[in-house]
PDB file of N, CA and C in Angstrom:
ATOM      1  N   MET A   1       1.015  -1.098   0.147  1.00  0.00           N
ATOM      2  CA  MET A   1      -0.144  -0.335   0.227  1.00  0.00           C
ATOM      3  C   MET A   1       1.540   1.113   0.112  1.00  0.00           C
ATOM      4  N   ASP A   2       0.692   2.180  -0.790  1.00  0.00           N
ATOM      5  CA  ASP A   2       1.701   3.450  -0.667  1.00  0.00           C
ATOM      6  C   ASP A   2       1.332   4.533   0.062  1.00  0.00           C
ATOM      7  N   GLU A   3       1.924   5.353   0.183  1.00  0.00           N
ATOM      8  CA  GLU A   3       2.209   6.107   1.860  1.00  0.00           C
ATOM      9  C   GLU A   3       0.138   6.804   1.595  1.00  0.00           C
ATOM     10  N   ALA A   4      -0.262   7.559   0.518  1.00  0.00           N
ATOM     11  CA  ALA A   4      -1.177   8.220   0.438  1.00  0.00           C
ATOM     12  C   ALA A   4      -2.557   7.254   0.399  1.00  0.00           C
ATOM     13  N   GLY A   5      -2.749   5.861   0.367  1.00  0.00           N
ATOM     14  CA  GLY A   5      -3.495   5.410   0.408  1.00  0.00           C
ATOM     15  C   GLY A   5      -3.337   5.002   2.006  1.00  0.00           C
ATOM     16  N   PHE A   6      -2.132   4.671   2.288  1.00  0.00           N
ATOM     17  CA  PHE A   6      -2.698   4.266   3.813  1.00  0.00           C
ATOM     18  C   PHE A   6      -3.163   5.503   4.608  1.00  0.00           C
ATOM     19  N   ASN A   7      -2.615   6.855   4.411  1.00  0.00           N
ATOM     20  CA  ASN A   7      -2.785   8.110   5.091  1.00  0.00           C
ATOM     21  C   ASN A   7      -4.723   8.039   4.746  1.00  0.00           C
ATOM     22  N   ALA A   8      -5.084   7.341   3.800  1.00  0.00           N
ATOM     23  CA  ALA A   8      -6.597   7.482   3.740  1.00  0.00           C
ATOM     24  C   ALA A   8      -7.751   6.697   4.402  1.00  0.00           C
ATOM     25  N   LEU A   9      -6.654   5.238   4.150  1.00  0.00           N
ATOM     26  CA  LEU A   9      -7.220   4.514   5.173  1.00  0.00           C
ATOM     27  C   LEU A   9      -7.350   4.797   6.861  1.00  0.00           C
ATOM     28  N   ALA A  10      -6.056   5.670   7.347  1.00  0.00           N
ATOM     29  CA  ALA A  10      -6.147   5.406   8.589  1.00  0.00           C
ATOM     30  C   ALA A  10      -6.648   6.808   9.100  1.00  0.00           C
ATOM     31  N   ASP A  11      -6.375   7.940   8.171  1.00  0.00           N
ATOM     32  CA  ASP A  11      -7.398   8.476   8.207  1.00  0.00           C
ATOM     33  C   ASP A  11      -9.244   8.758   8.386  1.00  0.00           C
ATOM     34  N   ALA A  12      -9.450   7.852   7.632  1.00  0.00           N
ATOM     35  CA  ALA A  12     -11.298   7.262   7.733  1.00  0.00           C
ATOM     36  C   ALA A  12     -11.509   6.202   9.197  1.00  0.00           C
ATOM     37  N   GLU A  13      -9.934   5.883   9.530  1.00  0.00           N
ATOM     38  CA  GLU A  13     -10.509   4.729  10.584  1.00  0.00           C
ATOM     39  C   GLU A  13     -10.380   5.624  12.072  1.00  0.00           C
ATOM     40  N   LEU A  14      -9.429   7.187  11.828  1.00  0.00           N
ATOM     41  CA  LEU A  14      -9.663   7.922  13.663  1.00  0.00           C
ATOM     42  C   LEU A  14     -10.641   8.820  13.074  1.00  0.00           C
ATOM     43  N   GLU A  15     -11.746   9.163  12.010  1.00  0.00           N
ATOM     44  CA  GLU A  15     -12.879   9.574  12.048  1.00  0.00           C
ATOM     45  C   GLU A  15     -14.022   8.771  12.587  1.00  0.00           C
ATOM     46  N   ARG A  16     -13.730   7.767  12.248  1.00  0.00           N
ATOM     47  CA  ARG A  16     -14.587   6.592  12.961  1.00  0.00           C
ATOM     48  C   ARG A  16     -14.746   6.793  14.047  1.00  0.00           C
ATOM     49  N   LEU A  17     -13.217   6.919  14.679  1.00  0.00           N
ATOM     50  CA  LEU A  17     -12.953   6.329  16.120  1.00  0.00           C
ATOM     51  C   LEU A  17     -13.324   7.475  16.648  1.00  0.00           C
ATOM     52  N   GLU A  18     -13.371   8.767  16.492  1.00  0.00           N
ATOM     53  CA  GLU A  18     -14.049  10.124  17.383  1.00  0.00           C
ATOM     54  C   GLU A  18     -16.095   9.677  17.548  1.00  0.00           C
ATOM     55  N   GLY A  19     -16.365   9.328  16.428  1.00  0.00           N
ATOM     56  CA  GLY A  19     -17.224   9.691  16.479  1.00  0.00           C
ATOM     57  C   GLY A  19     -17.898   7.665  17.409  1.00  0.00           C
ATOM     58  N   LEU A  20     -17.260   7.263  17.493  1.00  0.00           N
ATOM     59  CA  LEU A  20     -17.389   6.245  18.440  1.00  0.00           C
ATOM     60  C   LEU A  20     -16.914   6.528  20.116  1.00  0.00           C
ATOM     61  N   LEU A  21     -15.731   7.403  20.094  1.00  0.00           N
ATOM     62  CA  LEU A  21     -15.536   7.713  21.341  1.00  0.00           C
ATOM     63  C   LEU A  21     -16.893   8.978  21.523  1.00  0.00           C
ATOM     64  N   ASP A  22     -17.428   9.734  20.935  1.00  0.00           N
ATOM     65  CA  ASP A  22     -18.695  10.607  21.365  1.00  0.00           C
ATOM     66  C   ASP A  22     -19.805   9.880  21.687  1.00  0.00           C
ATOM     67  N   ALA A  23     -20.110   8.214  21.303  1.00  0.00           N
ATOM     68  CA  ALA A  23     -21.330   7.862  21.501  1.00  0.00           C
ATOM     69  C   ALA A  23     -20.693   7.141  22.643  1.00  0.00           C
ATOM     70  N   CYS A  24     -19.789   6.371  23.363  1.00  0.00           N
ATOM     71  CA  CYS A  24     -18.882   5.804  23.951  1.00  0.00           C
ATOM     72  C   CYS A  24     -19.928   6.076  25.869  1.00  0.00           C
ATOM     73  N   GLY A  25     -20.200   7.232  26.186  1.00  0.00           N
ATOM     74  CA  GLY A  25     -20.281   8.235  27.493  1.00  0.00           C
ATOM     75  C   GLY A  25     -19.585   7.773  28.644  1.00  0.00           C
ATOM     76  N   ALA A  26     -18.358   7.486  28.499  1.00  0.00           N
ATOM     77  CA  ALA A  26     -17.125   7.541  29.679  1.00  0.00           C
ATOM     78  C   ALA A  26     -16.889   8.828  29.129  1.00  0.00           C
ATOM     79  N   ASP A  27     -16.289   9.330  31.234  1.00  0.00           N
ATOM     80  CA  ASP A  27     -16.105  10.841  31.189  1.00  0.00           C
ATOM     81  C   ASP A  27     -13.928  10.308  30.487  1.00  0.00           C
ATOM     82  N   PHE A  28     -13.977  11.389  29.832  1.00  0.00           N
ATOM     83  CA  PHE A  28     -12.672  12.173  29.589  1.00  0.00           C
ATOM     84  C   PHE A  28     -12.841  13.003  28.762  1.00  0.00           C
ATOM     85  N   ASP A  29     -11.522  13.377  27.857  1.00  0.00           N
ATOM     86  CA  ASP A  29     -11.951  14.494  26.946  1.00  0.00           C
ATOM     87  C   ASP A  29     -11.148  14.324  25.780  1.00  0.00           C
ATOM     88  N   TYR A  30     -11.294  14.888  24.480  1.00  0.00           N
ATOM     89  CA  TYR A  30     -10.307  14.353  23.791  1.00  0.00           C
ATOM     90  C   TYR A  30     -10.171  15.496  22.863  1.00  0.00           C
ATOM     91  N   GLU A  31      -9.117  15.644  22.038  1.00  0.00           N
ATOM     92  CA  GLU A  31      -8.390  16.504  21.062  1.00  0.00           C
ATOM     93  C   GLU A  31      -7.767  15.344  19.970  1.00  0.00           C
ATOM     94  N   VAL A  32      -8.510  16.137  18.795  1.00  0.00           N
ATOM     95  CA  VAL A  32      -7.668  16.002  17.089  1.00  0.00           C
ATOM     96  C   VAL A  32      -6.762  17.060  17.182  1.00  0.00           C
ATOM     97  N   LYS A  33      -5.477  16.214  16.686  1.00  0.00           N
ATOM     98  CA  LYS A  33      -4.860  17.076  16.186  1.00  0.00           C
ATOM     99  C   LYS A  33      -4.384  17.091  15.041  1.00  0.00           C
ATOM    100  N   PRO A  34      -3.382  18.162  14.712  1.00  0.00           N
ATOM    101  CA  PRO A  34      -2.641  17.728  13.149  1.00  0.00           C
ATOM    102  C   PRO A  34      -1.746  16.284  12.735  1.00  0.00           C
ATOM    103  N   GLY A  35      -2.006  15.937  11.741  1.00  0.00           N
ATOM    104  CA  GLY A  35      -1.215  14.983  11.896  1.00  0.00           C
ATOM    105  C   GLY A  35      -2.042  13.720  11.723  1.00  0.00           C
ATOM    106  N   GLY A  36      -2.820  13.212  11.978  1.00  0.00           N
ATOM    107  CA  GLY A  36      -3.624  11.697  12.264  1.00  0.00           C
ATOM    108  C   GLY A  36      -3.471  11.767  13.903  1.00  0.00           C
ATOM    109  N   VAL A  37      -3.528  12.828  14.925  1.00  0.00           N
ATOM    110  CA  VAL A  37      -3.136  12.010  16.544  1.00  0.00           C
ATOM    111  C   VAL A  37      -4.696  12.525  16.663  1.00  0.00           C
ATOM    112  N   LEU A  38      -4.982  11.640  18.159  1.00  0.00           N
ATOM    113  CA  LEU A  38      -6.479  11.286  18.948  1.00  0.00           C
ATOM    114  C   LEU A  38      -5.235  11.434  19.998  1.00  0.00           C
ATOM    115  N   GLU A  39      -5.501  12.844  21.215  1.00  0.00           N
ATOM    116  CA  GLU A  39      -5.061  12.731  22.510  1.00  0.00           C
ATOM    117  C   GLU A  39      -6.576  12.792  23.476  1.00  0.00           C
ATOM    118  N   LEU A  40      -6.631  11.972  24.343  1.00  0.00           N
ATOM    119  CA  LEU A  40      -7.796  11.334  25.273  1.00  0.00           C
ATOM    120  C   LEU A  40      -7.310  12.165  26.428  1.00  0.00           C
ATOM    121  N   GLU A  41      -7.384  12.948  27.111  1.00  0.00           N
ATOM    122  CA  GLU A  41      -7.764  12.680  28.472  1.00  0.00           C
ATOM    123  C   GLU A  41      -8.437  12.466  29.849  1.00  0.00           C
ATOM    124  N   PHE A  42      -7.790  11.599  30.915  1.00  0.00           N
ATOM    125  CA  PHE A  42      -9.103  11.381  31.862  1.00  0.00           C
ATOM    126  C   PHE A  42      -9.119  12.385  32.516  1.00  0.00           C
ATOM    127  N   ASP A  43     -10.028  12.471  33.848  1.00  0.00           N
ATOM    128  CA  ASP A  43     -10.184  13.205  34.586  1.00  0.00           C
ATOM    129  C   ASP A  43      -8.769  13.309  35.871  1.00  0.00           C
ATOM    130  N   ASN A  44      -7.957  12.353  36.021  1.00  0.00           N
ATOM    131  CA  ASN A  44      -6.991  11.830  36.576  1.00  0.00           C
ATOM    132  C   ASN A  44      -5.548  12.573  36.267  1.00  0.00           C
ATOM    133  N   GLY A  45      -5.467  13.040  34.652  1.00  0.00           N
ATOM    134  CA  GLY A  45      -4.546  13.395  34.416  1.00  0.00           C
ATOM    135  C   GLY A  45      -4.465  12.632  33.271  1.00  0.00           C
ATOM    136  N   SER A  46      -4.264  11.273  33.292  1.00  0.00           N
ATOM    137  CA  SER A  46      -3.588  10.248  32.491  1.00  0.00           C
ATOM    138  C   SER A  46      -4.056  10.777  31.030  1.00  0.00           C
ATOM    139  N   LYS A  47      -3.446  10.177  29.873  1.00  0.00           N
ATOM    140  CA  LYS A  47      -3.355  10.733  28.209  1.00  0.00           C
ATOM    141  C   LYS A  47      -3.344   9.309  28.094  1.00  0.00           C
ATOM    142  N   ILE A  48      -4.431   8.694  26.577  1.00  0.00           N
ATOM    143  CA  ILE A  48      -3.894   7.651  25.436  1.00  0.00           C
ATOM    144  C   ILE A  48      -3.975   8.592  24.699  1.00  0.00           C
ATOM    145  N   ILE A  49      -2.369   8.563  23.746  1.00  0.00           N
ATOM    146  CA  ILE A  49      -2.305   8.977  22.235  1.00  0.00           C
ATOM    147  C   ILE A  49      -2.603   8.095  21.275  1.00  0.00           C
ATOM    148  N   VAL A  50      -3.727   7.869  20.162  1.00  0.00           N
ATOM    149  CA  VAL A  50      -3.795   7.293  19.311  1.00  0.00           C
ATOM    150  C   VAL A  50      -2.930   7.978  18.127  1.00  0.00           C
ATOM    151  N   ASN A  51      -2.626   7.757  17.167  1.00  0.00           N
ATOM    152  CA  ASN A  51      -1.624   8.457  16.051  1.00  0.00           C
ATOM    153  C   ASN A  51      -1.190   7.420  15.004  1.00  0.00           C
ATOM    154  N   ARG A  52      -1.884   7.696  13.697  1.00  0.00           N
ATOM    155  CA  ARG A  52      -1.361   7.095  12.439  1.00  0.00           C
ATOM    156  C   ARG A  52       0.142   7.301  12.396  1.00  0.00           C
ATOM    157  N   HIS A  53       0.526   5.926  12.008  1.00  0.00           N
ATOM    158  CA  HIS A  53       2.624   6.166  11.728  1.00  0.00           C
ATOM    159  C   HIS A  53       2.755   5.770  10.461  1.00  0.00           C
ATOM    160  N   THR A  54       2.815   6.557   9.490  1.00  0.00           N
ATOM    161  CA  THR A  54       2.665   6.492   8.221  1.00  0.00           C
ATOM    162  C   THR A  54       4.186   5.918   7.170  1.00  0.00           C
ATOM    163  N   ALA A  55       5.428   6.130   7.985  1.00  0.00           N
ATOM    164  CA  ALA A  55       6.342   5.285   7.834  1.00  0.00           C
ATOM    165  C   ALA A  55       6.195   3.865   8.258  1.00  0.00           C
ATOM    166  N   ALA A  56       5.021   3.118   8.932  1.00  0.00           N
ATOM    167  CA  ALA A  56       5.315   2.038   9.071  1.00  0.00           C
ATOM    168  C   ALA A  56       3.792   1.108   8.750  1.00  0.00           C
ATOM    169  N   ARG A  57       3.081   1.980   8.495  1.00  0.00           N
ATOM    170  CA  ARG A  57       1.773   2.028   7.765  1.00  0.00           C
ATOM    171  C   ARG A  57       1.186   0.981   8.708  1.00  0.00           C
ATOM    172  N   GLU A  58       0.784   1.803   9.826  1.00  0.00           N
ATOM    173  CA  GLU A  58       0.533   1.114  11.230  1.00  0.00           C
ATOM    174  C   GLU A  58      -0.278   2.628  12.383  1.00  0.00           C
ATOM    175  N   ILE A  59      -0.930   2.066  13.005  1.00  0.00           N
ATOM    176  CA  ILE A  59      -2.015   2.795  13.838  1.00  0.00           C
ATOM    177  C   ILE A  59      -1.374   2.665  15.205  1.00  0.00           C
ATOM    178  N   TRP A  60      -0.978   3.802  15.507  1.00  0.00           N
ATOM    179  CA  TRP A  60       0.075   3.331  16.764  1.00  0.00           C
ATOM    180  C   TRP A  60      -0.873   3.841  18.536  1.00  0.00           C
ATOM    181  N   LEU A  61      -0.699   3.129  19.658  1.00  0.00           N
ATOM    182  CA  LEU A  61      -1.663   3.110  20.674  1.00  0.00           C
ATOM    183  C   LEU A  61      -0.826   3.609  21.994  1.00  0.00           C
ATOM    184  N   ALA A  62      -0.590   4.888  22.392  1.00  0.00           N
ATOM    185  CA  ALA A  62      -0.116   4.869  23.598  1.00  0.00           C
ATOM    186  C   ALA A  62      -0.722   5.000  24.751  1.00  0.00           C
ATOM    187  N   ALA A  63      -0.058   4.117  26.392  1.00  0.00           N
ATOM    188  CA  ALA A  63      -1.132   4.480  27.389  1.00  0.00           C
ATOM    189  C   ALA A  63      -0.642   3.866  27.925  1.00  0.00           C
ATOM    190  N   LYS A  64      -1.003   3.973  29.630  1.00  0.00           N
ATOM    191  CA  LYS A  64      -0.267   3.493  30.956  1.00  0.00           C
ATOM    192  C   LYS A  64       0.123   2.488  30.681  1.00  0.00           C
ATOM    193  N   SER A  65      -0.402   1.210  30.157  1.00  0.00           N
ATOM    194  CA  SER A  65      -0.195   0.146  30.068  1.00  0.00           C
ATOM    195  C   SER A  65       0.853  -0.245  28.783  1.00  0.00           C
ATOM    196  N   GLY A  66       1.395   0.483  28.017  1.00  0.00           N
ATOM    197  CA  GLY A  66       2.077   0.467  27.116  1.00  0.00           C
ATOM    198  C   GLY A  66       1.797   0.977  25.948  1.00  0.00           C
ATOM    199  N   GLY A  67       2.638   0.209  24.950  1.00  0.00           N
ATOM    200  CA  GLY A  67       2.985   0.660  23.399  1.00  0.00           C
ATOM    201  C   GLY A  67       1.815  -0.412  22.531  1.00  0.00           C
ATOM    202  N   PHE A  68       1.427   0.018  21.481  1.00  0.00           N
ATOM    203  CA  PHE A  68       0.455  -0.639  21.285  1.00  0.00           C
ATOM    204  C   PHE A  68       0.580  -0.583  19.224  1.00  0.00           C
ATOM    205  N   HIS A  69       0.867  -1.667  18.634  1.00  0.00           N
ATOM    206  CA  HIS A  69       0.637  -1.317  16.980  1.00  0.00           C
ATOM    207  C   HIS A  69      -0.131  -1.974  16.558  1.00  0.00           C
ATOM    208  N   PHE A  70      -0.703  -1.056  15.217  1.00  0.00           N
ATOM    209  CA  PHE A  70      -2.127  -2.188  14.638  1.00  0.00           C
ATOM    210  C   PHE A  70      -1.771  -1.982  12.965  1.00  0.00           C
ATOM    211  N   ARG A  71      -1.800  -3.216  12.820  1.00  0.00           N
ATOM    212  CA  ARG A  71      -1.664  -2.995  10.933  1.00  0.00           C
ATOM    213  C   ARG A  71      -3.304  -3.038  10.558  1.00  0.00           C
ATOM    214  N   PRO A  72      -3.818  -3.063   9.114  1.00  0.00           N
ATOM    215  CA  PRO A  72      -4.864  -2.625   8.445  1.00  0.00           C
ATOM    216  C   PRO A  72      -4.838  -4.497   8.130  1.00  0.00           C
ATOM    217  N   VAL A  73      -5.557  -5.105   8.747  1.00  0.00           N
ATOM    218  CA  VAL A  73      -5.824  -6.479   7.999  1.00  0.00           C
ATOM    219  C   VAL A  73      -7.756  -6.988   7.436  1.00  0.00           C
ATOM    220  N   GLU A  74      -7.673  -7.083   6.262  1.00  0.00           N
ATOM    221  CA  GLU A  74      -9.325  -7.092   5.869  1.00  0.00           C
ATOM    222  C   GLU A  74      -9.695  -6.327   6.505  1.00  0.00           C
ATOM    223  N   GLY A  75      -9.627  -5.482   6.430  1.00  0.00           N
ATOM    224  CA  GLY A  75     -11.001  -4.336   6.698  1.00  0.00           C
ATOM    225  C   GLY A  75     -11.163  -4.429   8.675  1.00  0.00           C
ATOM    226  N   ARG A  76     -10.040  -4.796   9.219  1.00  0.00           N
ATOM    227  CA  ARG A  76      -9.496  -4.408  10.616  1.00  0.00           C
ATOM    228  C   ARG A  76      -8.348  -3.986  10.947  1.00  0.00           C
ATOM    229  N   TRP A  77      -8.162  -3.432  12.121  1.00  0.00           N
ATOM    230  CA  TRP A  77      -6.558  -3.074  12.838  1.00  0.00           C
ATOM    231  C   TRP A  77      -6.304  -3.834  13.746  1.00  0.00           C
ATOM    232  N   LEU A  78      -5.468  -4.863  13.455  1.00  0.00           N
ATOM    233  CA  LEU A  78      -4.852  -6.217  14.555  1.00  0.00           C
ATOM    234  C   LEU A  78      -3.666  -6.145  14.873  1.00  0.00           C
ATOM    235  N   GLY A  79      -3.373  -6.447  15.832  1.00  0.00           N
ATOM    236  CA  GLY A  79      -1.980  -5.996  17.140  1.00  0.00           C
ATOM    237  C   GLY A  79      -1.257  -6.590  15.585  1.00  0.00           C
ATOM    238  N   THR A  80      -0.402  -5.698  15.596  1.00  0.00           N
ATOM    239  CA  THR A  80       1.075  -6.457  15.459  1.00  0.00           C
ATOM    240  C   THR A  80       1.807  -7.606  16.188  1.00  0.00           C
ATOM    241  N   ARG A  81       1.429  -7.860  17.160  1.00  0.00           N
ATOM    242  CA  ARG A  81       2.379  -8.718  18.471  1.00  0.00           C
ATOM    243  C   ARG A  81       1.642  -9.538  18.733  1.00  0.00           C
ATOM    244  N   ASP A  82      -0.227  -9.151  18.614  1.00  0.00           N
ATOM    245  CA  ASP A  82      -1.041 -10.736  19.144  1.00  0.00           C
ATOM    246  C   ASP A  82      -1.774 -10.618  18.338  1.00  0.00           C
ATOM    247  N   GLY A  83      -2.408  -9.847  17.310  1.00  0.00           N
ATOM    248  CA  GLY A  83      -3.566  -9.745  16.559  1.00  0.00           C
ATOM    249  C   GLY A  83      -4.225  -9.550  17.302  1.00  0.00           C
ATOM    250  N   GLU A  84      -4.482  -8.618  18.107  1.00  0.00           N
ATOM    251  CA  GLU A  84      -5.377  -8.179  19.499  1.00  0.00           C
ATOM    252  C   GLU A  84      -6.557  -7.425  18.206  1.00  0.00           C
ATOM    253  N   ASP A  85      -7.778  -7.013  17.891  1.00  0.00           N
ATOM    254  CA  ASP A  85      -8.180  -6.026  17.524  1.00  0.00           C
ATOM    255  C   ASP A  85      -8.346  -4.862  18.606  1.00  0.00           C
ATOM    256  N   PHE A  86      -8.354  -3.635  17.602  1.00  0.00           N
ATOM    257  CA  PHE A  86      -7.562  -2.566  17.926  1.00  0.00           C
ATOM    258  C   PHE A  86      -8.594  -1.780  18.955  1.00  0.00           C
ATOM    259  N   TYR A  87     -10.036  -1.729  18.908  1.00  0.00           N
ATOM    260  CA  TYR A  87     -11.057  -1.837  19.544  1.00  0.00           C
ATOM    261  C   TYR A  87     -11.289  -2.425  20.824  1.00  0.00           C
ATOM    262  N   VAL A  88     -11.022  -3.525  20.991  1.00  0.00           N
ATOM    263  CA  VAL A  88     -10.570  -4.337  22.027  1.00  0.00           C
ATOM    264  C   VAL A  88      -9.148  -3.904  23.054  1.00  0.00           C
ATOM    265  N   VAL A  89      -8.389  -3.592  22.710  1.00  0.00           N
ATOM    266  CA  VAL A  89      -7.142  -2.642  23.071  1.00  0.00           C
ATOM    267  C   VAL A  89      -7.592  -1.753  23.768  1.00  0.00           C
ATOM    268  N   LEU A  90      -8.110  -0.638  22.744  1.00  0.00           N
ATOM    269  CA  LEU A  90      -7.896   0.915  23.026  1.00  0.00           C
ATOM    270  C   LEU A  90      -9.179   0.996  24.309  1.00  0.00           C
ATOM    271  N   SER A  91     -10.088  -0.162  24.294  1.00  0.00           N
ATOM    272  CA  SER A  91     -11.432   0.335  25.389  1.00  0.00           C
ATOM    273  C   SER A  91     -11.036  -0.365  26.310  1.00  0.00           C
ATOM    274  N   ARG A  92      -9.797  -1.889  26.640  1.00  0.00           N
ATOM    275  CA  ARG A  92      -9.316  -2.163  27.376  1.00  0.00           C
ATOM    276  C   ARG A  92      -8.413  -1.265  28.422  1.00  0.00           C
ATOM    277  N   CYS A  93      -7.897  -0.438  27.465  1.00  0.00           N
ATOM    278  CA  CYS A  93      -6.616   1.217  28.343  1.00  0.00           C
ATOM    279  C   CYS A  93      -7.836   1.790  28.777  1.00  0.00           C
ATOM    280  N   MET A  94      -8.721   2.520  27.867  1.00  0.00           N
ATOM    281  CA  MET A  94      -9.606   3.585  28.413  1.00  0.00           C
ATOM    282  C   MET A  94     -10.103   3.035  29.566  1.00  0.00           C
ATOM    283  N   SER A  95     -10.444   1.620  29.902  1.00  0.00           N
ATOM    284  CA  SER A  95     -11.400   1.579  31.549  1.00  0.00           C
ATOM    285  C   SER A  95     -10.157   1.285  32.147  1.00  0.00           C
ATOM    286  N   GLU A  96      -9.070   1.328  31.602  1.00  0.00           N
ATOM    287  CA  GLU A  96      -7.923   0.810  32.939  1.00  0.00           C
ATOM    288  C   GLU A  96      -7.989   2.287  33.509  1.00  0.00           C
ATOM    289  N   GLN A  97      -7.560   3.698  32.759  1.00  0.00           N
ATOM    290  CA  GLN A  97      -7.219   5.021  32.707  1.00  0.00           C
ATOM    291  C   GLN A  97      -8.569   5.721  33.441  1.00  0.00           C
ATOM    292  N   ALA A  98      -9.435   5.295  32.784  1.00  0.00           N
ATOM    293  CA  ALA A  98     -10.999   5.994  33.238  1.00  0.00           C
ATOM    294  C   ALA A  98     -11.491   5.267  34.966  1.00  0.00           C
ATOM    295  N   GLY A  99     -11.358   4.697  35.000  1.00  0.00           N
ATOM    296  CA  GLY A  99     -11.676   3.544  36.180  1.00  0.00           C
ATOM    297  C   GLY A  99     -13.178   3.151  35.902  1.00  0.00           C
ATOM    298  N   GLU A 100     -13.569   3.162  35.045  1.00  0.00           N
ATOM    299  CA  GLU A 100     -15.022   2.802  34.361  1.00  0.00           C
ATOM    300  C   GLU A 100     -15.045   2.207  33.678  1.00  0.00           C
ATOM    301  N   PRO A 101     -15.172   0.838  33.129  1.00  0.00           N
ATOM    302  CA  PRO A 101     -15.683   0.244  31.815  1.00  0.00           C
ATOM    303  C   PRO A 101     -16.049   1.275  30.689  1.00  0.00           C
ATOM    304  N   VAL A 102     -15.496   0.772  29.218  1.00  0.00           N
ATOM    305  CA  VAL A 102     -15.210   1.735  28.384  1.00  0.00           C
ATOM    306  C   VAL A 102     -15.410   0.914  27.276  1.00  0.00           C
ATOM    307  N   SER A 103     -16.513   0.586  26.371  1.00  0.00           N
ATOM    308  CA  SER A 103     -16.533  -0.025  25.129  1.00  0.00           C
ATOM    309  C   SER A 103     -16.801   0.201  24.202  1.00  0.00           C
ATOM    310  N   LEU A 104     -15.691   0.320  23.057  1.00  0.00           N
ATOM    311  CA  LEU A 104     -16.112   0.759  21.806  1.00  0.00           C
ATOM    312  C   LEU A 104     -16.471  -0.349  20.874  1.00  0.00           C
ATOM    313  N   LYS A 105     -17.329   0.280  20.090  1.00  0.00           N
ATOM    314  CA  LYS A 105     -17.673  -1.132  18.688  1.00  0.00           C
ATOM    315  C   LYS A 105     -17.134  -0.496  18.030  1.00  0.00           C
ATOM    316  N   GLY A 106     -16.150  -1.646  17.399  1.00  0.00           N
ATOM    317  CA  GLY A 106     -15.511  -0.992  16.238  1.00  0.00           C
ATOM    318  C   GLY A 106     -15.557  -1.609  14.915  1.00  0.00           C
TER     319      GLY A 106
END
């Protein structure tokens, strides 16, 4: 996949994520930053960063519990280490940092 194709795919997924964040009902704020970056901030001051990484053709997630990389595979974003779904991992990280259950249906 070329750079432009990846950026279009990743940007569409990040836009989809924005809609899911708006609808999830958890208590946090998020900000969209230039270059394909979403920054989530929780009441306790902790943050989760989700960004597209064009050079690696991945979406990266940085949370208190660690860093995770996801590649597009047949319409889903799957972890490069374990094949876990992006939205499952993000929901788990958000639940940990928000101190309440969060479920994003991706």
